[in-house]
Protein backbone atom coordinates (compact mmCIF):
# COMPACT_ATOMS: atom_id res chain seq x y z
CA UNK A 1 -54.14 6.29 29.83
CA UNK A 2 -52.60 9.26 32.09
CA UNK A 3 -51.01 6.79 34.16
CA UNK A 4 -49.25 4.93 31.18
CA UNK A 5 -48.32 7.97 30.05
CA UNK A 6 -46.54 9.05 32.83
CA UNK A 7 -44.97 5.51 33.37
CA UNK A 8 -43.57 6.25 29.38
CA UNK A 9 -42.27 9.50 30.53
CA UNK A 10 -40.60 8.52 33.47
CA UNK A 11 -39.28 5.31 31.58
CA UNK A 12 -37.57 7.66 28.86
CA UNK A 13 -36.28 9.89 31.48
CA UNK A 14 -34.87 7.27 33.07
CA UNK A 15 -33.26 5.66 29.83
CA UNK A 16 -32.23 9.04 28.97
CA UNK A 17 -30.36 9.88 32.50
CA UNK A 18 -28.61 6.34 32.08
CA UNK A 19 -27.05 7.31 28.59
CA UNK A 20 -26.09 10.56 30.42
CA UNK A 21 -24.43 8.76 33.24
CA UNK A 22 -22.66 6.32 30.60
CA UNK A 23 -20.75 9.22 28.92
CA UNK A 24 -18.52 12.29 29.80
CA UNK A 25 -18.60 15.69 28.03
CA UNK A 26 -15.74 18.03 27.21
CA UNK A 27 -16.24 21.66 26.12
CA UNK A 28 -13.46 23.52 24.68
CA UNK A 29 -13.22 26.66 22.63
CA UNK A 30 -14.94 25.16 19.38
CA UNK A 31 -15.60 21.48 20.25
CA UNK A 32 -17.63 18.99 22.40
CA UNK A 33 -16.32 15.88 23.25
CA UNK A 34 -18.27 13.18 24.30
CA UNK A 35 -16.50 9.74 25.59
CA UNK A 36 -17.50 6.74 27.91
CA UNK A 37 -17.44 7.70 31.44
CA UNK A 38 -14.28 7.09 32.90
CA UNK A 39 -12.22 7.26 29.90
CA UNK A 40 -9.15 8.96 29.95
CA UNK A 41 -9.11 9.90 25.99
CA UNK A 42 -11.61 12.99 26.25
CA UNK A 43 -8.92 15.58 27.21
CA UNK A 44 -6.67 14.49 24.26
CA UNK A 45 -9.15 14.52 21.66
CA UNK A 46 -10.30 17.87 23.08
CA UNK A 47 -6.64 19.19 22.49
CA UNK A 48 -6.37 17.17 19.03
CA UNK A 49 -9.32 18.99 17.52
CA UNK A 50 -8.67 22.22 18.87
CA UNK A 51 -5.33 22.08 17.20
CA UNK A 52 -6.53 20.83 13.71
CA UNK A 53 -8.85 23.93 13.95
CA UNK A 54 -6.31 26.10 14.34
CA UNK A 55 -4.52 24.49 11.50
CA UNK A 56 -7.10 24.44 9.21
CA UNK A 57 -8.32 28.03 9.79
CA UNK A 58 -4.66 29.42 9.65
CA UNK A 59 -5.76 28.35 5.71
CA UNK A 60 -9.34 29.46 5.47
CA UNK A 61 -9.56 32.39 8.01
CA UNK A 62 -13.41 31.38 9.09
CA UNK A 63 -15.07 33.41 11.53
CA UNK A 64 -15.64 31.13 14.52
CA UNK A 65 -18.13 33.70 16.00
CA UNK A 66 -20.27 32.28 12.95
CA UNK A 67 -20.82 28.88 14.90
CA UNK A 68 -23.96 28.44 16.22
CA UNK A 69 -22.98 25.52 18.34
CA UNK A 70 -19.95 23.67 19.15
CA UNK A 71 -18.15 20.74 16.81
CA UNK A 72 -19.36 17.74 18.61
CA UNK A 73 -17.17 14.96 18.47
CA UNK A 74 -18.44 11.63 19.71
CA UNK A 75 -16.12 8.82 20.77
CA UNK A 76 -16.75 5.10 21.30
CA UNK A 77 -14.61 2.12 22.21
CA UNK A 78 -16.24 -0.63 21.78
CA UNK A 79 -16.77 -1.87 17.91
CA UNK A 80 -20.40 -2.89 18.62
CA UNK A 81 -21.82 -0.05 20.08
CA UNK A 82 -20.00 2.20 17.06
CA UNK A 83 -21.29 0.10 14.52
CA UNK A 84 -25.01 -0.04 16.05
CA UNK A 85 -24.51 4.05 16.39
CA UNK A 86 -23.57 4.62 12.88
CA UNK A 87 -25.92 2.46 11.49
CA UNK A 88 -28.73 3.82 13.16
CA UNK A 89 -27.59 7.10 11.61
CA UNK A 90 -26.64 6.18 8.29
CA UNK A 91 -27.94 2.85 7.86
CA UNK A 92 -24.73 0.90 7.72
CA UNK A 93 -21.30 0.83 9.37
CA UNK A 94 -18.37 2.57 8.68
CA UNK A 95 -14.95 1.69 9.79
CA UNK A 96 -12.89 3.83 11.73
CA UNK A 97 -14.34 7.30 11.51
CA UNK A 98 -17.21 9.33 9.83
CA UNK A 99 -18.48 12.84 10.06
CA UNK A 100 -22.33 12.86 9.88
CA UNK A 101 -23.82 15.88 8.46
CA UNK A 102 -27.60 17.17 8.96
CA UNK A 103 -28.77 20.39 7.85
CA UNK A 104 -29.66 21.21 11.89
CA UNK A 105 -25.95 22.28 12.70
CA UNK A 106 -26.96 21.01 16.23
CA UNK A 107 -27.03 17.30 15.31
CA UNK A 108 -23.78 17.08 13.31
CA UNK A 109 -21.01 15.07 14.63
CA UNK A 110 -17.91 13.45 13.82
CA UNK A 111 -18.13 9.56 15.38
CA UNK A 112 -14.86 7.75 16.23
CA UNK A 113 -14.10 4.19 16.88
CA UNK A 114 -10.95 4.79 19.34
CA UNK A 115 -8.51 2.04 18.89
CA UNK A 116 -9.64 0.79 15.74
CA UNK A 117 -7.39 0.08 12.78
CA UNK A 118 -8.98 2.53 10.28
CA UNK A 119 -8.73 5.31 13.00
CA UNK A 120 -5.42 7.04 12.53
CA UNK A 121 -5.91 7.05 8.62
CA UNK A 122 -9.59 8.49 8.74
CA UNK A 123 -9.89 11.09 11.73
CA UNK A 124 -7.65 13.41 10.19
CA UNK A 125 -9.63 13.33 6.93
CA UNK A 126 -13.17 13.43 8.45
CA UNK A 127 -12.09 16.00 10.82
CA UNK A 128 -11.37 18.16 8.40
CA UNK A 129 -14.64 17.84 6.40
CA UNK A 130 -16.71 18.71 9.70
CA UNK A 131 -14.71 21.88 10.33
CA UNK A 132 -15.52 23.04 6.66
CA UNK A 133 -18.90 21.71 6.43
CA UNK A 134 -19.49 23.55 10.10
CA UNK A 135 -18.90 26.88 8.05
CA UNK A 136 -19.91 26.06 4.57
CA UNK A 137 -22.70 23.30 4.31
CA UNK A 138 -22.09 22.94 0.58
CA UNK A 139 -18.32 23.88 -0.75
CA UNK A 140 -16.99 22.79 -4.11
CA UNK A 141 -16.00 19.37 -4.42
CA UNK A 142 -12.52 19.88 -4.99
CA UNK A 143 -12.03 21.95 -1.82
CA UNK A 144 -13.87 19.39 0.08
CA UNK A 145 -11.74 16.37 -1.40
CA UNK A 146 -8.77 18.08 -2.17
CA UNK A 147 -7.87 19.85 1.28
CA UNK A 148 -9.34 16.77 2.89
CA UNK A 149 -6.19 14.62 1.38
CA UNK A 150 -3.72 17.38 1.65
CA UNK A 151 -4.38 17.15 5.49
CA UNK A 152 -4.74 13.62 5.79
CA UNK A 153 -1.00 13.14 7.14
CA UNK A 154 -1.79 16.08 9.67
CA UNK A 155 -1.43 13.48 12.50
CA UNK A 156 -1.62 14.01 16.02
CA UNK A 157 1.41 12.77 18.40
CA UNK A 158 -0.46 11.84 21.71
CA UNK A 159 3.03 11.58 23.56
CA UNK A 160 4.07 15.05 22.83
CA UNK A 161 0.25 16.56 22.45
CA UNK A 162 1.08 18.52 19.03
CA UNK A 163 0.36 18.01 15.46
CA UNK A 164 2.94 16.82 13.10
CA UNK A 165 2.80 17.65 9.18
CA UNK A 166 4.20 15.11 6.44
CA UNK A 167 3.20 16.06 2.87
CA UNK A 168 0.65 13.38 1.50
CA UNK A 169 2.11 12.23 -2.01
CA UNK A 170 0.21 9.03 -1.95
CA UNK A 171 -2.26 10.27 -5.07
CA UNK A 172 1.01 11.62 -6.80
CA UNK A 173 1.34 8.68 -9.14
CA UNK A 174 -1.96 8.69 -10.10
CA UNK A 175 -2.26 12.06 -11.18
CA UNK A 176 0.79 11.88 -13.25
CA UNK A 177 -0.96 8.85 -15.15
CA UNK A 178 -4.28 11.52 -15.53
CA UNK A 179 -4.95 14.14 -18.60
CA UNK A 180 -6.48 16.53 -16.70
CA UNK A 181 -6.39 20.27 -16.53
CA UNK A 182 -7.15 22.61 -13.66
CA UNK A 183 -10.25 24.12 -15.23
CA UNK A 184 -11.87 21.07 -15.16
CA UNK A 185 -10.55 20.39 -11.68
CA UNK A 186 -12.04 23.60 -10.81
CA UNK A 187 -15.58 22.72 -12.13
CA UNK A 188 -15.64 19.04 -11.25
CA UNK A 189 -18.80 17.25 -9.73
CA UNK A 190 -18.56 14.12 -7.39
CA UNK A 191 -18.93 11.80 -10.25
CA UNK A 192 -15.78 12.83 -11.76
CA UNK A 193 -13.26 9.78 -12.08
CA UNK A 194 -10.46 10.36 -9.50
CA UNK A 195 -11.67 13.07 -8.09
CA UNK A 196 -9.81 12.71 -4.99
CA UNK A 197 -6.63 12.51 -6.73
CA UNK A 198 -7.16 15.27 -9.22
CA UNK A 199 -8.20 17.65 -6.22
CA UNK A 200 -5.48 16.99 -4.42
CA UNK A 201 -3.59 17.60 -6.84
CA UNK A 202 -4.92 21.26 -7.33
CA UNK A 203 -4.72 21.76 -3.74
CA UNK A 204 -1.19 20.98 -3.63
CA UNK A 205 -0.15 23.44 -6.29
CA UNK A 206 -1.92 26.28 -4.62
CA UNK A 207 -0.43 25.83 -1.64
CA UNK A 208 2.98 24.94 -2.92
CA UNK A 209 3.81 28.42 -2.64
CA UNK A 210 2.53 30.43 0.26
CA UNK A 211 3.68 34.05 -0.79
CA UNK A 212 2.73 33.68 -4.62
CA UNK A 213 -0.28 35.25 -6.62
CA UNK A 214 -2.15 31.35 -6.82
CA UNK A 215 -2.06 31.14 -3.07
CA UNK A 216 -3.42 34.36 -2.55
CA UNK A 217 -5.86 34.22 -5.08
CA UNK A 218 -7.03 30.79 -3.57
CA UNK A 219 -7.31 32.02 0.04
CA UNK A 220 -9.37 35.37 -1.47
CA UNK A 221 -11.96 33.18 -3.34
CA UNK A 222 -12.69 31.40 0.34
CA UNK A 223 -14.39 34.84 1.03
CA UNK A 224 -16.95 33.91 -1.70
CA UNK A 225 -18.27 30.81 0.02
CA UNK A 226 -21.74 30.91 0.95
CA UNK A 227 -23.18 28.83 3.70
CA UNK A 228 -26.50 29.21 2.41
CA UNK A 229 -25.62 28.30 -1.39
CA UNK A 230 -25.44 25.01 -3.47
CA UNK A 231 -22.38 23.21 -3.87
CA UNK A 232 -22.85 24.31 -7.83
CA UNK A 233 -23.22 27.72 -6.90
CA UNK A 234 -19.93 27.78 -4.40
CA UNK A 235 -18.36 26.25 -7.12
CA UNK A 236 -18.58 28.64 -9.82
CA UNK A 237 -18.36 31.46 -7.26
CA UNK A 238 -14.77 30.05 -6.69
CA UNK A 239 -13.88 29.44 -10.11
CA UNK A 240 -14.80 33.23 -11.62
CA UNK A 241 -12.62 34.50 -8.69
CA UNK A 242 -9.62 32.34 -9.35
CA UNK A 243 -9.73 33.03 -13.20
CA UNK A 244 -10.37 36.66 -12.65
CA UNK A 245 -6.62 37.48 -12.40
CA UNK A 246 -4.91 34.17 -13.47
CA UNK A 247 -5.12 33.35 -17.25
CA UNK A 248 -6.74 29.69 -17.71
CA UNK A 249 -3.34 29.23 -20.10
CA UNK A 250 -1.13 30.19 -17.77
CA UNK A 251 -2.62 28.24 -14.62
CA UNK A 252 -2.69 25.06 -16.79
CA UNK A 253 1.07 25.43 -18.06
CA UNK A 254 2.36 26.18 -14.27
CA UNK A 255 0.23 23.59 -12.84
CA UNK A 256 1.70 20.77 -15.28
CA UNK A 257 5.07 21.97 -14.54
CA UNK A 258 4.57 21.85 -10.86
CA UNK A 259 3.02 18.13 -11.15
CA UNK A 260 5.94 17.04 -13.80
CA UNK A 261 8.66 18.29 -11.13
CA UNK A 262 6.84 16.46 -8.00
CA UNK A 263 8.96 13.67 -7.00
CA UNK A 264 7.47 10.73 -4.24
CA UNK A 265 9.98 9.50 -1.44
CA UNK A 266 10.57 6.49 -3.35
CA UNK A 267 11.75 8.57 -6.45
CA UNK A 268 13.67 10.68 -4.58
CA UNK A 269 16.07 7.95 -3.11
CA UNK A 270 16.03 6.00 -6.08
CA UNK A 271 17.15 9.19 -8.07
CA UNK A 272 19.71 10.12 -5.19
CA UNK A 273 21.30 6.70 -5.11
CA UNK A 274 21.83 6.76 -8.93
CA UNK A 275 23.64 9.97 -8.52
CA UNK A 276 25.64 8.67 -5.29
CA UNK A 277 26.60 5.73 -7.72
CA UNK A 278 27.97 8.19 -10.08
CA UNK A 279 29.79 10.44 -7.89
CA UNK A 280 27.81 13.31 -8.19
CA UNK A 281 27.38 14.16 -4.54
CA UNK A 282 26.13 17.43 -5.02
CA UNK A 283 23.13 16.26 -6.81
CA UNK A 284 22.52 13.09 -4.34
CA UNK A 285 23.08 15.18 -1.27
CA UNK A 286 20.05 17.82 -2.82
CA UNK A 287 17.93 14.90 -3.66
CA UNK A 288 18.71 13.02 -0.19
CA UNK A 289 17.48 16.16 1.59
CA UNK A 290 14.14 16.63 -0.16
CA UNK A 291 13.62 13.05 0.60
CA UNK A 292 14.21 13.93 4.14
CA UNK A 293 11.70 16.78 4.12
CA UNK A 294 8.93 14.57 2.87
CA UNK A 295 9.34 11.61 5.35
CA UNK A 296 11.53 13.07 8.34
CA UNK A 297 10.68 9.80 10.30
CA UNK A 298 12.43 7.32 7.70
CA UNK A 299 15.81 5.99 7.95
CA UNK A 300 16.78 5.82 4.27
CA UNK A 301 17.43 9.66 3.81
CA UNK A 302 19.67 9.87 6.70
CA UNK A 303 21.89 6.53 5.87
CA UNK A 304 22.61 8.24 2.36
CA UNK A 305 23.41 11.57 3.87
CA UNK A 306 25.66 9.88 6.14
CA UNK A 307 27.27 8.13 3.38
CA UNK A 308 27.77 11.60 1.85
CA UNK A 309 29.17 13.28 4.99
CA UNK A 310 31.72 10.07 5.33
CA UNK A 311 32.91 10.93 1.53
CA UNK A 312 33.38 14.29 2.62
CA UNK A 313 35.35 13.34 5.81
CA UNK A 314 32.94 14.85 8.06
CA UNK A 315 32.85 11.93 10.49
CA UNK A 316 31.14 13.24 13.26
CA UNK A 317 28.04 14.37 11.06
CA UNK A 318 28.31 11.06 9.66
CA UNK A 319 27.85 9.16 12.77
CA UNK A 320 24.97 11.70 14.00
CA UNK A 321 23.27 10.57 10.78
CA UNK A 322 23.72 7.14 10.89
CA UNK A 323 22.78 6.93 14.49
CA UNK A 324 19.30 9.10 13.35
CA UNK A 325 18.97 6.70 10.66
CA UNK A 326 19.19 3.94 13.64
CA UNK A 327 16.99 5.44 15.49
CA UNK A 328 14.15 5.67 12.74
CA UNK A 329 14.22 1.70 12.24
CA UNK A 330 17.03 1.19 10.02
CA UNK A 331 18.34 -2.39 9.87
CA UNK A 332 21.11 -2.63 12.75
CA UNK A 333 23.73 -4.75 10.72
CA UNK A 334 23.81 -1.86 7.96
CA UNK A 335 24.03 0.81 10.19
CA UNK A 336 26.52 -0.62 12.64
CA UNK A 337 29.03 -1.58 9.79
CA UNK A 338 29.02 1.88 8.21
CA UNK A 339 29.55 3.53 11.85
CA UNK A 340 32.33 0.80 12.10
CA UNK A 341 33.81 1.99 8.98
CA UNK A 342 33.32 5.75 9.69
CA UNK A 343 35.03 5.43 13.06
CA UNK A 344 38.02 3.58 11.57
CA UNK A 345 38.42 6.72 9.34
CA UNK A 346 38.09 9.02 12.31
CA UNK A 347 41.05 7.22 14.14
CA UNK A 348 38.64 5.61 16.68
CA UNK A 349 39.62 1.97 16.40
CA UNK A 350 37.82 1.16 19.96
CA UNK A 351 34.49 2.35 18.71
CA UNK A 352 35.16 1.34 15.38
CA UNK A 353 35.87 -2.30 16.49
CA UNK A 354 32.72 -2.38 18.71
CA UNK A 355 30.33 -1.68 15.97
CA UNK A 356 31.85 -3.88 13.61
CA UNK A 357 31.68 -6.89 16.07
CA UNK A 358 28.24 -5.81 16.67
CA UNK A 359 27.63 -5.93 12.77
CA UNK A 360 28.84 -9.17 12.53
CA UNK A 361 26.63 -10.32 15.49
CA UNK A 362 23.49 -9.03 13.96
CA UNK A 363 23.91 -10.42 10.35
CA UNK A 364 27.40 -12.91 10.36
CA UNK A 365 26.05 -14.12 6.71
CA UNK A 366 26.42 -10.54 5.03
CA UNK A 367 28.89 -9.06 7.45
CA UNK A 368 31.12 -11.64 9.34
CA UNK A 369 33.69 -11.84 6.60
CA UNK A 370 33.96 -7.76 5.89
CA UNK A 371 33.68 -6.94 9.60
CA UNK A 372 36.50 -9.47 10.65
CA UNK A 373 38.65 -8.19 7.74
CA UNK A 374 38.49 -4.50 9.08
CA UNK A 375 38.80 -5.49 12.74
CA UNK A 376 42.21 -7.26 11.76
CA UNK A 377 43.75 -4.56 10.18
CA UNK A 378 42.42 -2.04 13.29
CA UNK A 379 44.32 -4.44 15.66
C-alpha cells in the first residue's frame, strides 16, 4: 500500500511539473499572467492589464496594498483547452473570456481564449469585474454592471501598447425607451429588466461631469463599500450616501435631462446632415464635431467637416479632413471626387485632375460623367 501511495504521489508530481512546463508565468505589479510556454502574448497582456488597473483605479481609488494576492489572468490559444478548463470550473463553456470568482482570492482568475471572435468584446468587461471584485466581493449591481459597460469600449491597441477609449452608447436607444428613475437603479437587484442598460445610464450620468457635485458624491460613496458586506448592504450604504446631499427630485430631473440630450453617433450625423442641407453650417459643424468625439476613427464626421471647410473656402483644412476620412475607410470615389472639387477651387488644377480621374476610375457609374465635365473645364 505504501508503494502504491508513493507511485501516486510521484505520478501527481509528474503531472504537476508537466503542466507547469507547458505554461509561462509573468508577474507585474498587480497581475500574474499565465500563457502557454513559448507564447509571446504574456508581456502584452501584462501591459494591458496594468493600464486597465490604473484606469479603473483612477475612478475608484482603492488601496492596492489591500490585495492579498495578484490578480490572475490565464490565457489559452486552443479553443478545446479553453472550453475544457472553463467547463471544469463552471460546468459549461463561456465564449471569449470569463472571470471566475471564488471566496478565496488566490483561486480567482480571468480566463481568456486568445484569438477568439469574442475576446475583444468580452475582455474589457470581464477585466473590470475582476478588478472590482478583487476589492469588493459583493458590490452593488448597478456599479458592477454599469461600470463594466462604461469601460467596455476601453480597448487596448497592441501596436501602440496603449488604451484607447471611445464612449459606449450601445445602450442609449434602449435607455430612452425605458421608464426608469435613478432611485430605482440605485437600489436595483440583478433580476431587474434591462439592468445593464439602466446601470450604464446612471454611471454615464455620474461620470459626465468630472468636476460637478454628482461625480464627487459618487466617488465619495465608494469609501462606504465593504469587502465583507453583502451586495444588499453595499447597495444601501452607497444609496444613503448619494442621497444625503442630493435630493431625489433634483437627481431625477438632472438625470432625465441628461439622457434626453444624449445623442448616438448616427443621430448626430443625421442631424448634422439636416443642418448642412439647410445651410445652417454653424450647427452642422457642432454636430459633426460631437460625432467625431464619440467615434474618432469613423470617416463620416471628417468627410462632412471637410465639406464645411470647403464651404468656408478653407481649402487646406478641407483637404486634410478629406484625407483623414479616406484613411479611416471612406469610399475612395467619394473622397477623391471631393478632393478634386476642393483642389480645383484652390486653383490646383493638376492635383484636381488627378483626384477626379481617380474618382472616375474607382466608380465610373456615379462619378465619370461629373468628373469628366469638371476635368474638361479645368483643361
